[in-house]
Amino acid sequence: MNKYGDCYYCGGFVREINTSREIWWKGNLYIFEKVPVGVCQQCGEKVLKPKVAKDIDSVLKEKSIPQRIIQVPVYEYEMAAV
């Protein structure tokens, strides 16, 4: 049995994988690793179960201690005049 049901957009099969999710919250970037996400095998649409979303919200609201902290380079892209 498929835990996610068929894809909402295309009707394809949705398979669960563990992946990283980048989340912007209150102006800061947070990365969550090994997040269970349903991915449509046909169109690539991603589905996050409500419990997983609530768990992530709880971690952010409680300001839990992360497993590690990394630095991320930031670049500003400016459109060149044509």
PDB file of N, CA and C in Angstrom:
ATOM      1  N   MET A   1       0.838  -1.201   0.000  1.00  0.00           N
ATOM      2  CA  MET A   1       0.000   0.000   0.000  1.00  0.00           C
ATOM      3  C   MET A   1       0.875   1.254   0.000  1.00  0.00           C
ATOM      4  N   ASN A   2       0.476   2.239  -0.793  1.00  0.00           N
ATOM      5  CA  ASN A   2       1.210   3.490  -0.890  1.00  0.00           C
ATOM      6  C   ASN A   2       0.802   4.425   0.247  1.00  0.00           C
ATOM      7  N   LYS A   3       1.762   4.846   1.080  1.00  0.00           N
ATOM      8  CA  LYS A   3       1.477   5.728   2.211  1.00  0.00           C
ATOM      9  C   LYS A   3       1.024   7.114   1.792  1.00  0.00           C
ATOM     10  N   TYR A   4       1.283   7.494   0.539  1.00  0.00           N
ATOM     11  CA  TYR A   4       0.997   8.846   0.079  1.00  0.00           C
ATOM     12  C   TYR A   4      -0.188   8.922  -0.875  1.00  0.00           C
ATOM     13  N   GLY A   5      -0.636   7.819  -1.391  1.00  0.00           N
ATOM     14  CA  GLY A   5      -1.678   7.859  -2.401  1.00  0.00           C
ATOM     15  C   GLY A   5      -1.084   8.305  -3.733  1.00  0.00           C
ATOM     16  N   ASP A   6      -1.920   8.476  -4.713  1.00  0.00           N
ATOM     17  CA  ASP A   6      -1.455   8.920  -6.022  1.00  0.00           C
ATOM     18  C   ASP A   6      -1.152  10.418  -6.001  1.00  0.00           C
ATOM     19  N   CYS A   7      -0.310  10.855  -6.919  1.00  0.00           N
ATOM     20  CA  CYS A   7       0.067  12.255  -7.024  1.00  0.00           C
ATOM     21  C   CYS A   7      -1.166  13.121  -7.271  1.00  0.00           C
ATOM     22  N   TYR A   8      -1.268  14.194  -6.526  1.00  0.00           N
ATOM     23  CA  TYR A   8      -2.390  15.125  -6.636  1.00  0.00           C
ATOM     24  C   TYR A   8      -2.427  15.782  -8.012  1.00  0.00           C
ATOM     25  N   TYR A   9      -1.255  16.012  -8.610  1.00  0.00           N
ATOM     26  CA  TYR A   9      -1.183  16.754  -9.867  1.00  0.00           C
ATOM     27  C   TYR A   9      -1.323  15.889 -11.112  1.00  0.00           C
ATOM     28  N   CYS A  10      -0.634  14.728 -11.114  1.00  0.00           N
ATOM     29  CA  CYS A  10      -0.627  13.942 -12.352  1.00  0.00           C
ATOM     30  C   CYS A  10      -1.161  12.524 -12.188  1.00  0.00           C
ATOM     31  N   GLY A  11      -1.410  12.096 -10.948  1.00  0.00           N
ATOM     32  CA  GLY A  11      -1.924  10.750 -10.713  1.00  0.00           C
ATOM     33  C   GLY A  11      -0.849   9.678 -10.666  1.00  0.00           C
ATOM     34  N   GLY A  12       0.433  10.071 -10.740  1.00  0.00           N
ATOM     35  CA  GLY A  12       1.532   9.115 -10.721  1.00  0.00           C
ATOM     36  C   GLY A  12       1.752   8.506  -9.350  1.00  0.00           C
ATOM     37  N   PHE A  13       2.618   7.488  -9.307  1.00  0.00           N
ATOM     38  CA  PHE A  13       2.946   6.801  -8.058  1.00  0.00           C
ATOM     39  C   PHE A  13       3.895   7.660  -7.226  1.00  0.00           C
ATOM     40  N   VAL A  14       3.593   7.815  -5.939  1.00  0.00           N
ATOM     41  CA  VAL A  14       4.415   8.608  -5.030  1.00  0.00           C
ATOM     42  C   VAL A  14       5.196   7.656  -4.127  1.00  0.00           C
ATOM     43  N   ARG A  15       6.524   7.783  -4.157  1.00  0.00           N
ATOM     44  CA  ARG A  15       7.407   6.910  -3.374  1.00  0.00           C
ATOM     45  C   ARG A  15       8.118   7.751  -2.325  1.00  0.00           C
ATOM     46  N   GLU A  16       8.283   7.205  -1.124  1.00  0.00           N
ATOM     47  CA  GLU A  16       8.962   7.938  -0.061  1.00  0.00           C
ATOM     48  C   GLU A  16      10.477   7.793  -0.179  1.00  0.00           C
ATOM     49  N   ILE A  17      11.157   8.930  -0.028  1.00  0.00           N
ATOM     50  CA  ILE A  17      12.614   8.946   0.058  1.00  0.00           C
ATOM     51  C   ILE A  17      13.004   9.839   1.238  1.00  0.00           C
ATOM     52  N   ASN A  18      14.225   9.714   1.684  1.00  0.00           N
ATOM     53  CA  ASN A  18      14.763  10.632   2.687  1.00  0.00           C
ATOM     54  C   ASN A  18      15.651  11.626   1.955  1.00  0.00           C
ATOM     55  N   THR A  19      15.418  12.894   2.196  1.00  0.00           N
ATOM     56  CA  THR A  19      16.155  13.935   1.489  1.00  0.00           C
ATOM     57  C   THR A  19      16.400  15.114   2.415  1.00  0.00           C
ATOM     58  N   SER A  20      17.165  16.069   1.956  1.00  0.00           N
ATOM     59  CA  SER A  20      17.401  17.302   2.712  1.00  0.00           C
ATOM     60  C   SER A  20      16.373  18.344   2.305  1.00  0.00           C
ATOM     61  N   ARG A  21      15.984  19.165   3.258  1.00  0.00           N
ATOM     62  CA  ARG A  21      15.042  20.262   2.992  1.00  0.00           C
ATOM     63  C   ARG A  21      15.652  21.552   3.521  1.00  0.00           C
ATOM     64  N   GLU A  22      15.630  22.582   2.690  1.00  0.00           N
ATOM     65  CA  GLU A  22      16.091  23.902   3.103  1.00  0.00           C
ATOM     66  C   GLU A  22      14.861  24.718   3.451  1.00  0.00           C
ATOM     67  N   ILE A  23      14.882  25.333   4.621  1.00  0.00           N
ATOM     68  CA  ILE A  23      13.717  26.085   5.082  1.00  0.00           C
ATOM     69  C   ILE A  23      14.161  27.464   5.554  1.00  0.00           C
ATOM     70  N   TRP A  24      13.532  28.493   4.994  1.00  0.00           N
ATOM     71  CA  TRP A  24      13.749  29.855   5.465  1.00  0.00           C
ATOM     72  C   TRP A  24      12.703  30.133   6.529  1.00  0.00           C
ATOM     73  N   TRP A  25      13.165  30.548   7.714  1.00  0.00           N
ATOM     74  CA  TRP A  25      12.249  30.841   8.810  1.00  0.00           C
ATOM     75  C   TRP A  25      12.776  32.046   9.564  1.00  0.00           C
ATOM     76  N   LYS A  26      11.962  33.074   9.645  1.00  0.00           N
ATOM     77  CA  LYS A  26      12.320  34.324  10.317  1.00  0.00           C
ATOM     78  C   LYS A  26      13.649  34.877   9.812  1.00  0.00           C
ATOM     79  N   GLY A  27      13.834  34.835   8.492  1.00  0.00           N
ATOM     80  CA  GLY A  27      15.011  35.417   7.872  1.00  0.00           C
ATOM     81  C   GLY A  27      16.273  34.574   7.957  1.00  0.00           C
ATOM     82  N   ASN A  28      16.191  33.367   8.477  1.00  0.00           N
ATOM     83  CA  ASN A  28      17.349  32.492   8.593  1.00  0.00           C
ATOM     84  C   ASN A  28      17.119  31.206   7.805  1.00  0.00           C
ATOM     85  N   LEU A  29      18.213  30.667   7.288  1.00  0.00           N
ATOM     86  CA  LEU A  29      18.163  29.420   6.534  1.00  0.00           C
ATOM     87  C   LEU A  29      18.480  28.250   7.457  1.00  0.00           C
ATOM     88  N   TYR A  30      17.623  27.233   7.420  1.00  0.00           N
ATOM     89  CA  TYR A  30      17.819  26.015   8.199  1.00  0.00           C
ATOM     90  C   TYR A  30      17.802  24.827   7.235  1.00  0.00           C
ATOM     91  N   ILE A  31      18.652  23.847   7.498  1.00  0.00           N
ATOM     92  CA  ILE A  31      18.688  22.646   6.675  1.00  0.00           C
ATOM     93  C   ILE A  31      18.335  21.450   7.539  1.00  0.00           C
ATOM     94  N   PHE A  32      17.372  20.689   7.079  1.00  0.00           N
ATOM     95  CA  PHE A  32      16.981  19.451   7.753  1.00  0.00           C
ATOM     96  C   PHE A  32      17.386  18.291   6.856  1.00  0.00           C
ATOM     97  N   GLU A  33      18.109  17.334   7.421  1.00  0.00           N
ATOM     98  CA  GLU A  33      18.557  16.175   6.654  1.00  0.00           C
ATOM     99  C   GLU A  33      17.722  14.950   7.001  1.00  0.00           C
ATOM    100  N   LYS A  34      17.703  14.009   6.087  1.00  0.00           N
ATOM    101  CA  LYS A  34      16.992  12.734   6.259  1.00  0.00           C
ATOM    102  C   LYS A  34      15.505  12.931   6.520  1.00  0.00           C
ATOM    103  N   VAL A  35      14.890  13.871   5.816  1.00  0.00           N
ATOM    104  CA  VAL A  35      13.459  14.156   5.951  1.00  0.00           C
ATOM    105  C   VAL A  35      12.684  13.204   5.037  1.00  0.00           C
ATOM    106  N   PRO A  36      11.698  12.468   5.577  1.00  0.00           N
ATOM    107  CA  PRO A  36      10.885  11.610   4.720  1.00  0.00           C
ATOM    108  C   PRO A  36       9.935  12.446   3.867  1.00  0.00           C
ATOM    109  N   VAL A  37      10.082  12.301   2.549  1.00  0.00           N
ATOM    110  CA  VAL A  37       9.291  13.076   1.598  1.00  0.00           C
ATOM    111  C   VAL A  37       8.761  12.137   0.531  1.00  0.00           C
ATOM    112  N   GLY A  38       7.506  12.309   0.149  1.00  0.00           N
ATOM    113  CA  GLY A  38       6.951  11.549  -0.956  1.00  0.00           C
ATOM    114  C   GLY A  38       7.283  12.262  -2.260  1.00  0.00           C
ATOM    115  N   VAL A  39       7.801  11.513  -3.247  1.00  0.00           N
ATOM    116  CA  VAL A  39       8.165  12.105  -4.538  1.00  0.00           C
ATOM    117  C   VAL A  39       7.438  11.341  -5.635  1.00  0.00           C
ATOM    118  N   CYS A  40       6.701  12.077  -6.473  1.00  0.00           N
ATOM    119  CA  CYS A  40       6.000  11.454  -7.588  1.00  0.00           C
ATOM    120  C   CYS A  40       7.022  10.933  -8.590  1.00  0.00           C
ATOM    121  N   GLN A  41       6.878   9.674  -8.965  1.00  0.00           N
ATOM    122  CA  GLN A  41       7.807   9.051  -9.896  1.00  0.00           C
ATOM    123  C   GLN A  41       7.563   9.495 -11.337  1.00  0.00           C
ATOM    124  N   GLN A  42       6.445  10.181 -11.558  1.00  0.00           N
ATOM    125  CA  GLN A  42       6.109  10.627 -12.914  1.00  0.00           C
ATOM    126  C   GLN A  42       6.483  12.089 -13.148  1.00  0.00           C
ATOM    127  N   CYS A  43       6.048  12.991 -12.245  1.00  0.00           N
ATOM    128  CA  CYS A  43       6.268  14.421 -12.477  1.00  0.00           C
ATOM    129  C   CYS A  43       7.265  15.060 -11.511  1.00  0.00           C
ATOM    130  N   GLY A  44       7.655  14.344 -10.454  1.00  0.00           N
ATOM    131  CA  GLY A  44       8.638  14.869  -9.514  1.00  0.00           C
ATOM    132  C   GLY A  44       8.071  15.715  -8.388  1.00  0.00           C
ATOM    133  N   GLU A  45       6.755  15.885  -8.350  1.00  0.00           N
ATOM    134  CA  GLU A  45       6.132  16.670  -7.278  1.00  0.00           C
ATOM    135  C   GLU A  45       6.482  16.053  -5.923  1.00  0.00           C
ATOM    136  N   LYS A  46       6.768  16.921  -4.921  1.00  0.00           N
ATOM    137  CA  LYS A  46       7.132  16.452  -3.590  1.00  0.00           C
ATOM    138  C   LYS A  46       5.996  16.702  -2.612  1.00  0.00           C
ATOM    139  N   VAL A  47       5.799  15.732  -1.704  1.00  0.00           N
ATOM    140  CA  VAL A  47       4.721  15.802  -0.719  1.00  0.00           C
ATOM    141  C   VAL A  47       5.318  15.613   0.673  1.00  0.00           C
ATOM    142  N   LEU A  48       5.006  16.536   1.567  1.00  0.00           N
ATOM    143  CA  LEU A  48       5.449  16.447   2.949  1.00  0.00           C
ATOM    144  C   LEU A  48       4.230  16.112   3.798  1.00  0.00           C
ATOM    145  N   LYS A  49       4.306  15.030   4.567  1.00  0.00           N
ATOM    146  CA  LYS A  49       3.177  14.656   5.431  1.00  0.00           C
ATOM    147  C   LYS A  49       3.006  15.711   6.521  1.00  0.00           C
ATOM    148  N   PRO A  50       1.767  15.955   6.965  1.00  0.00           N
ATOM    149  CA  PRO A  50       1.521  16.976   7.992  1.00  0.00           C
ATOM    150  C   PRO A  50       2.323  16.759   9.276  1.00  0.00           C
ATOM    151  N   LYS A  51       2.493  15.511   9.718  1.00  0.00           N
ATOM    152  CA  LYS A  51       3.248  15.254  10.946  1.00  0.00           C
ATOM    153  C   LYS A  51       4.704  15.680  10.787  1.00  0.00           C
ATOM    154  N   VAL A  52       5.285  15.427   9.622  1.00  0.00           N
ATOM    155  CA  VAL A  52       6.674  15.819   9.372  1.00  0.00           C
ATOM    156  C   VAL A  52       6.791  17.344   9.404  1.00  0.00           C
ATOM    157  N   ALA A  53       5.857  18.032   8.770  1.00  0.00           N
ATOM    158  CA  ALA A  53       5.860  19.503   8.777  1.00  0.00           C
ATOM    159  C   ALA A  53       5.727  20.039  10.206  1.00  0.00           C
ATOM    160  N   LYS A  54       4.858  19.441  11.002  1.00  0.00           N
ATOM    161  CA  LYS A  54       4.680  19.872  12.399  1.00  0.00           C
ATOM    162  C   LYS A  54       5.937  19.612  13.219  1.00  0.00           C
ATOM    163  N   ASP A  55       6.596  18.471  12.980  1.00  0.00           N
ATOM    164  CA  ASP A  55       7.834  18.162  13.690  1.00  0.00           C
ATOM    165  C   ASP A  55       8.912  19.194  13.374  1.00  0.00           C
ATOM    166  N   ILE A  56       9.028  19.574  12.105  1.00  0.00           N
ATOM    167  CA  ILE A  56      10.008  20.581  11.707  1.00  0.00           C
ATOM    168  C   ILE A  56       9.674  21.923  12.356  1.00  0.00           C
ATOM    169  N   ASP A  57       8.398  22.309  12.338  1.00  0.00           N
ATOM    170  CA  ASP A  57       7.970  23.548  12.993  1.00  0.00           C
ATOM    171  C   ASP A  57       8.342  23.542  14.471  1.00  0.00           C
ATOM    172  N   SER A  58       8.145  22.415  15.136  1.00  0.00           N
ATOM    173  CA  SER A  58       8.462  22.309  16.569  1.00  0.00           C
ATOM    174  C   SER A  58       9.945  22.523  16.827  1.00  0.00           C
ATOM    175  N   VAL A  59      10.778  21.920  15.995  1.00  0.00           N
ATOM    176  CA  VAL A  59      12.226  22.085  16.155  1.00  0.00           C
ATOM    177  C   VAL A  59      12.602  23.553  16.020  1.00  0.00           C
ATOM    178  N   LEU A  60      12.038  24.242  15.032  1.00  0.00           N
ATOM    179  CA  LEU A  60      12.353  25.653  14.826  1.00  0.00           C
ATOM    180  C   LEU A  60      11.829  26.534  15.956  1.00  0.00           C
ATOM    181  N   LYS A  61      10.617  26.276  16.400  1.00  0.00           N
ATOM    182  CA  LYS A  61      10.022  27.094  17.468  1.00  0.00           C
ATOM    183  C   LYS A  61      10.733  26.897  18.800  1.00  0.00           C
ATOM    184  N   GLU A  62      11.188  25.663  19.064  1.00  0.00           N
ATOM    185  CA  GLU A  62      11.851  25.363  20.340  1.00  0.00           C
ATOM    186  C   GLU A  62      13.329  25.727  20.330  1.00  0.00           C
ATOM    187  N   LYS A  63      13.819  26.169  19.161  1.00  0.00           N
ATOM    188  CA  LYS A  63      15.232  26.533  19.010  1.00  0.00           C
ATOM    189  C   LYS A  63      16.133  25.394  19.495  1.00  0.00           C
ATOM    190  N   SER A  64      15.835  24.190  19.037  1.00  0.00           N
ATOM    191  CA  SER A  64      16.615  23.010  19.397  1.00  0.00           C
ATOM    192  C   SER A  64      18.066  23.169  18.938  1.00  0.00           C
ATOM    193  N   ILE A  65      18.963  22.491  19.607  1.00  0.00           N
ATOM    194  CA  ILE A  65      20.379  22.552  19.252  1.00  0.00           C
ATOM    195  C   ILE A  65      20.614  21.692  18.013  1.00  0.00           C
ATOM    196  N   PRO A  66      21.200  22.268  16.956  1.00  0.00           N
ATOM    197  CA  PRO A  66      21.430  21.508  15.726  1.00  0.00           C
ATOM    198  C   PRO A  66      22.578  20.508  15.893  1.00  0.00           C
ATOM    199  N   GLN A  67      22.596  19.499  15.016  1.00  0.00           N
ATOM    200  CA  GLN A  67      23.683  18.519  15.042  1.00  0.00           C
ATOM    201  C   GLN A  67      25.008  19.153  14.639  1.00  0.00           C
ATOM    202  N   ARG A  68      24.948  20.120  13.730  1.00  0.00           N
ATOM    203  CA  ARG A  68      26.139  20.852  13.318  1.00  0.00           C
ATOM    204  C   ARG A  68      25.712  22.169  12.673  1.00  0.00           C
ATOM    205  N   ILE A  69      26.662  23.060  12.518  1.00  0.00           N
ATOM    206  CA  ILE A  69      26.420  24.352  11.874  1.00  0.00           C
ATOM    207  C   ILE A  69      27.415  24.472  10.722  1.00  0.00           C
ATOM    208  N   ILE A  70      26.930  24.922   9.565  1.00  0.00           N
ATOM    209  CA  ILE A  70      27.789  25.113   8.405  1.00  0.00           C
ATOM    210  C   ILE A  70      27.711  26.569   7.958  1.00  0.00           C
ATOM    211  N   GLN A  71      28.728  27.012   7.235  1.00  0.00           N
ATOM    212  CA  GLN A  71      28.703  28.340   6.645  1.00  0.00           C
ATOM    213  C   GLN A  71      28.301  28.197   5.189  1.00  0.00           C
ATOM    214  N   VAL A  72      27.507  29.139   4.702  1.00  0.00           N
ATOM    215  CA  VAL A  72      27.021  29.091   3.328  1.00  0.00           C
ATOM    216  C   VAL A  72      27.417  30.374   2.611  1.00  0.00           C
ATOM    217  N   PRO A  73      28.159  30.262   1.492  1.00  0.00           N
ATOM    218  CA  PRO A  73      28.486  31.460   0.724  1.00  0.00           C
ATOM    219  C   PRO A  73      27.222  32.065   0.112  1.00  0.00           C
ATOM    220  N   VAL A  74      27.155  33.379   0.079  1.00  0.00           N
ATOM    221  CA  VAL A  74      25.997  34.075  -0.495  1.00  0.00           C
ATOM    222  C   VAL A  74      26.497  34.974  -1.619  1.00  0.00           C
ATOM    223  N   TYR A  75      25.868  34.864  -2.772  1.00  0.00           N
ATOM    224  CA  TYR A  75      26.211  35.685  -3.924  1.00  0.00           C
ATOM    225  C   TYR A  75      24.991  36.489  -4.339  1.00  0.00           C
ATOM    226  N   GLU A  76      25.227  37.716  -4.817  1.00  0.00           N
ATOM    227  CA  GLU A  76      24.132  38.535  -5.340  1.00  0.00           C
ATOM    228  C   GLU A  76      24.221  38.538  -6.842  1.00  0.00           C
ATOM    229  N   TYR A  77      23.134  38.197  -7.484  1.00  0.00           N
ATOM    230  CA  TYR A  77      23.082  38.157  -8.936  1.00  0.00           C
ATOM    231  C   TYR A  77      22.468  39.449  -9.437  1.00  0.00           C
ATOM    232  N   GLU A  78      23.169  40.140 -10.319  1.00  0.00           N
ATOM    233  CA  GLU A  78      22.644  41.361 -10.903  1.00  0.00           C
ATOM    234  C   GLU A  78      22.447  41.152 -12.390  1.00  0.00           C
ATOM    235  N   MET A  79      21.291  41.543 -12.857  1.00  0.00           N
ATOM    236  CA  MET A  79      21.007  41.420 -14.297  1.00  0.00           C
ATOM    237  C   MET A  79      21.871  42.434 -15.047  1.00  0.00           C
ATOM    238  N   ALA A  80      22.568  41.981 -16.060  1.00  0.00           N
ATOM    239  CA  ALA A  80      23.394  42.866 -16.892  1.00  0.00           C
ATOM    240  C   ALA A  80      22.474  43.633 -17.852  1.00  0.00           C
ATOM    241  N   ALA A  81      22.770  44.913 -18.045  1.00  0.00           N
ATOM    242  CA  ALA A  81      21.985  45.725 -18.989  1.00  0.00           C
ATOM    243  C   ALA A  81      22.195  45.214 -20.408  1.00  0.00           C
ATOM    244  N   VAL A  82      21.112  45.101 -21.144  1.00  0.00           N
ATOM    245  CA  VAL A  82      21.199  44.580 -22.515  1.00  0.00           C
ATOM    246  C   VAL A  82      21.436  45.690 -23.495  1.00  0.00           C
TER     247      VAL A  82
END
